[in-house]
Amino acid sequence: ISRCQPAPEGYSPTLKWQQQQVANFSAVRQSLNKHRSHWRSQHLDSNVTMPKSEDEEGWKKFCLGERVYSEVDALSDNESLGIDYIKVGFPPLLSIVSRMNQATVTSVLEYLISWFGEKKFTPELGRWLYALLACLEKPLLPEAHSLIRQLARRCSEVRVLEENKNEEQISALNLIICLVSRYFDQRDLADEPS
């Protein structure tokens, strides 16, 4: 199927909502571009070691954390109260994404989309996908074009299968589909407004 599957009944985003998301996203992108050199010059914390661009497993663990990557749900009882980013993944901080060139952004997007092809959607994954989309430069390179279309279609599949109609999850999936279709001009993938 080249198109996205329609949203479950009652969960299709309105046109107004979609336009608002595109406007917010556009503002995020402008801010990111404006402050990129500032954030690039900031020192990363000593515990942050970014994987090499071609290290697929390294990036999946870096972004999603070993807990999600290894699909371990249980928290151990003796876990400290501090955040262990190795376990939970690093958030897509400006100091991190500002250091990524377009080749790295595209590679990491590809790794996460391939991971998402077989796994469930998580908040960590959603945050990284949003941040990477915000870093993608227009006009899109052909491989990025293909990747984001694949991402939107995967989001629509997961959205249809969402059994307990978790509104937060459906909203996150709607958001990604909306950005791919309306911000990156893949109109044939857009949700028809409710």
Protein backbone atom coordinates (compact mmCIF):
# COMPACT_ATOMS: atom_id res chain seq x y z
CA ILE A 1 0.00 0.00 0.00
CA SER A 2 1.43 3.36 -0.90
CA ARG A 3 -1.04 5.35 1.22
CA CYS A 4 -1.47 5.48 4.99
CA GLN A 5 -4.24 3.50 6.61
CA PRO A 6 -7.03 5.77 7.86
CA ALA A 7 -7.18 6.62 11.55
CA PRO A 8 -9.51 4.53 13.72
CA GLU A 9 -12.98 6.02 13.91
CA GLY A 10 -13.10 9.00 16.24
CA TYR A 11 -9.29 9.43 16.21
CA SER A 12 -8.76 11.22 12.91
CA PRO A 13 -7.08 14.58 13.51
CA THR A 14 -8.88 17.73 12.43
CA LEU A 15 -7.37 19.95 9.77
CA LYS A 16 -7.01 22.74 12.33
CA TRP A 17 -5.03 20.44 14.66
CA GLN A 18 -2.79 19.34 11.78
CA GLN A 19 -2.13 22.94 10.72
CA GLN A 20 -1.28 23.88 14.33
CA GLN A 21 1.19 20.97 14.60
CA VAL A 22 2.89 22.00 11.36
CA ALA A 23 3.19 25.61 12.64
CA ASN A 24 4.66 24.44 15.97
CA PHE A 25 7.08 22.10 14.19
CA SER A 26 8.17 24.86 11.83
CA ALA A 27 8.93 27.10 14.85
CA VAL A 28 10.95 24.29 16.47
CA ARG A 29 12.98 23.86 13.27
CA GLN A 30 13.67 27.59 12.99
CA SER A 31 14.78 27.75 16.61
CA LEU A 32 16.99 24.70 16.16
CA ASN A 33 18.69 26.20 13.10
CA LYS A 34 19.12 29.56 14.80
CA HIS A 35 20.77 28.08 17.91
CA ARG A 36 22.60 25.13 16.32
CA SER A 37 26.09 26.70 16.50
CA HIS A 38 25.55 27.69 20.15
CA TRP A 39 24.53 24.17 21.16
CA ARG A 40 27.29 22.61 19.08
CA SER A 41 29.85 24.64 21.04
CA GLN A 42 28.53 23.40 24.41
CA HIS A 43 30.41 20.57 26.07
CA LEU A 44 28.60 17.28 26.32
CA ASP A 45 28.42 15.74 29.78
CA SER A 46 31.18 13.25 30.41
CA ASN A 47 28.65 10.37 30.41
CA VAL A 48 27.53 11.14 26.83
CA THR A 49 29.45 9.24 24.18
CA MET A 50 27.74 9.46 20.82
CA PRO A 51 28.07 6.32 18.68
CA LYS A 52 29.74 6.48 15.27
CA SER A 53 27.32 7.18 12.42
CA GLU A 54 27.47 3.59 11.10
CA ASP A 55 26.96 1.91 14.53
CA GLU A 56 23.31 0.82 14.23
CA GLU A 57 23.15 -1.16 17.50
CA GLY A 58 24.98 1.62 19.33
CA TRP A 59 22.49 4.25 18.18
CA LYS A 60 19.46 2.12 19.04
CA LYS A 61 20.80 1.64 22.58
CA PHE A 62 21.83 5.32 22.82
CA CYS A 63 18.38 6.62 21.82
CA LEU A 64 16.08 4.03 23.33
CA GLY A 65 18.13 2.80 26.27
CA GLU A 66 19.07 -0.75 27.06
CA ARG A 67 15.77 -1.32 28.83
CA VAL A 68 13.62 -0.65 25.75
CA TYR A 69 16.23 -2.07 23.37
CA SER A 70 16.44 -5.33 25.30
CA GLU A 71 12.70 -5.20 26.06
CA VAL A 72 13.19 -5.42 29.81
CA ASP A 73 10.16 -3.89 31.48
CA ALA A 74 10.90 -4.58 35.13
CA LEU A 75 12.71 -2.07 37.29
CA SER A 76 15.01 -3.74 39.75
CA ASP A 77 14.19 -3.03 43.39
CA ASN A 78 17.63 -1.75 44.25
CA GLU A 79 17.75 0.75 41.38
CA SER A 80 18.98 4.14 42.47
CA LEU A 81 16.76 7.19 42.15
CA GLY A 82 19.16 8.87 39.71
CA ILE A 83 18.56 8.55 35.99
CA ASP A 84 20.75 5.97 34.32
CA TYR A 85 20.79 7.10 30.69
CA ILE A 86 22.50 3.88 29.60
CA LYS A 87 19.35 2.03 30.73
CA VAL A 88 16.69 4.56 29.72
CA GLY A 89 18.39 6.14 26.68
CA PHE A 90 19.54 9.68 26.16
CA PRO A 91 16.86 12.19 25.34
CA PRO A 92 17.36 14.05 22.03
CA LEU A 93 18.95 17.06 23.72
CA LEU A 94 19.88 20.07 21.59
CA SER A 95 23.51 19.58 22.58
CA ILE A 96 23.32 16.09 21.04
CA VAL A 97 21.23 16.60 17.89
CA SER A 98 23.08 19.82 16.99
CA ARG A 99 26.25 17.78 16.56
CA MET A 100 24.65 15.41 14.04
CA ASN A 101 25.29 16.07 10.35
CA GLN A 102 22.67 15.18 7.72
CA ALA A 103 24.24 11.79 7.00
CA THR A 104 24.06 10.87 10.71
CA VAL A 105 20.50 12.21 11.05
CA THR A 106 19.44 10.07 8.08
CA SER A 107 21.30 6.99 9.36
CA VAL A 108 19.83 7.23 12.88
CA LEU A 109 16.37 7.81 11.42
CA GLU A 110 16.85 4.68 9.30
CA TYR A 111 17.99 2.62 12.34
CA LEU A 112 15.03 3.72 14.45
CA ILE A 113 12.50 3.21 11.66
CA SER A 114 13.87 -0.28 11.05
CA TRP A 115 13.63 -1.00 14.80
CA PHE A 116 10.06 0.37 14.84
CA GLY A 117 9.20 -1.92 11.91
CA GLU A 118 9.30 -4.88 14.31
CA LYS A 119 8.69 -3.32 17.72
CA LYS A 120 6.08 -1.29 19.53
CA PHE A 121 5.97 2.48 19.65
CA THR A 122 7.46 3.99 22.82
CA PRO A 123 7.64 7.58 24.10
CA GLU A 124 11.45 7.45 23.75
CA LEU A 125 11.12 6.46 20.11
CA GLY A 126 8.56 9.22 19.50
CA ARG A 127 10.80 11.91 20.99
CA TRP A 128 13.76 10.83 18.85
CA LEU A 129 11.71 10.58 15.66
CA TYR A 130 10.35 14.10 16.22
CA ALA A 131 13.83 15.49 16.93
CA LEU A 132 15.36 13.79 13.89
CA LEU A 133 12.56 15.06 11.64
CA ALA A 134 13.26 18.54 13.04
CA CYS A 135 16.91 18.14 12.00
CA LEU A 136 16.20 16.93 8.45
CA GLU A 137 17.12 19.59 5.91
CA LYS A 138 14.84 20.42 3.01
CA PRO A 139 14.91 19.65 0.14
CA LEU A 140 15.01 16.03 1.24
CA LEU A 141 17.59 13.65 -0.13
CA PRO A 142 15.94 10.69 -1.93
CA GLU A 143 16.81 8.23 0.87
CA ALA A 144 15.34 10.55 3.52
CA HIS A 145 12.23 10.97 1.35
CA SER A 146 11.76 7.21 1.19
CA LEU A 147 12.44 6.77 4.93
CA ILE A 148 9.89 9.30 6.13
CA ARG A 149 7.23 7.81 3.84
CA GLN A 150 8.00 4.39 5.30
CA LEU A 151 7.75 5.93 8.80
CA ALA A 152 4.32 7.48 8.15
CA ARG A 153 2.98 4.20 6.76
CA ARG A 154 4.31 2.27 9.77
CA CYS A 155 2.69 4.79 12.15
CA SER A 156 -0.64 4.31 10.37
CA GLU A 157 -0.36 0.51 10.70
CA VAL A 158 0.42 0.72 14.41
CA ARG A 159 -2.37 3.25 14.93
CA VAL A 160 -4.97 0.90 13.38
CA LEU A 161 -3.79 -1.97 15.60
CA GLU A 162 -3.80 0.14 18.79
CA GLU A 163 -6.15 -2.04 20.82
CA ASN A 164 -6.90 -0.01 23.92
CA LYS A 165 -7.06 3.24 21.94
CA ASN A 166 -4.41 4.89 24.11
CA GLU A 167 -5.10 8.53 23.19
CA GLU A 168 -1.56 9.69 23.94
CA GLN A 169 -0.14 7.01 21.68
CA ILE A 170 -2.60 7.69 18.85
CA SER A 171 -1.89 11.43 19.15
CA ALA A 172 1.86 10.80 18.86
CA LEU A 173 1.35 8.59 15.80
CA ASN A 174 -1.05 11.17 14.29
CA LEU A 175 1.60 13.85 14.86
CA ILE A 176 4.32 11.97 12.98
CA ILE A 177 1.96 11.18 10.07
CA CYS A 178 0.88 14.84 10.03
CA LEU A 179 4.47 16.15 9.90
CA VAL A 180 5.55 13.74 7.17
CA SER A 181 2.48 14.42 5.04
CA ARG A 182 1.92 18.12 5.59
CA TYR A 183 5.30 19.60 6.55
CA PHE A 184 7.41 17.45 4.23
CA ASP A 185 4.79 17.65 1.45
CA GLN A 186 3.86 13.97 1.19
CA ARG A 187 0.21 14.96 0.74
CA ASP A 188 -0.92 11.54 -0.48
CA LEU A 189 -0.14 10.21 3.03
CA ALA A 190 -2.16 12.87 4.87
CA ASP A 191 -5.06 11.99 7.14
CA GLU A 192 -8.31 13.24 5.71
CA PRO A 193 -9.56 15.83 8.21
CA SER A 194 -12.42 14.68 10.38
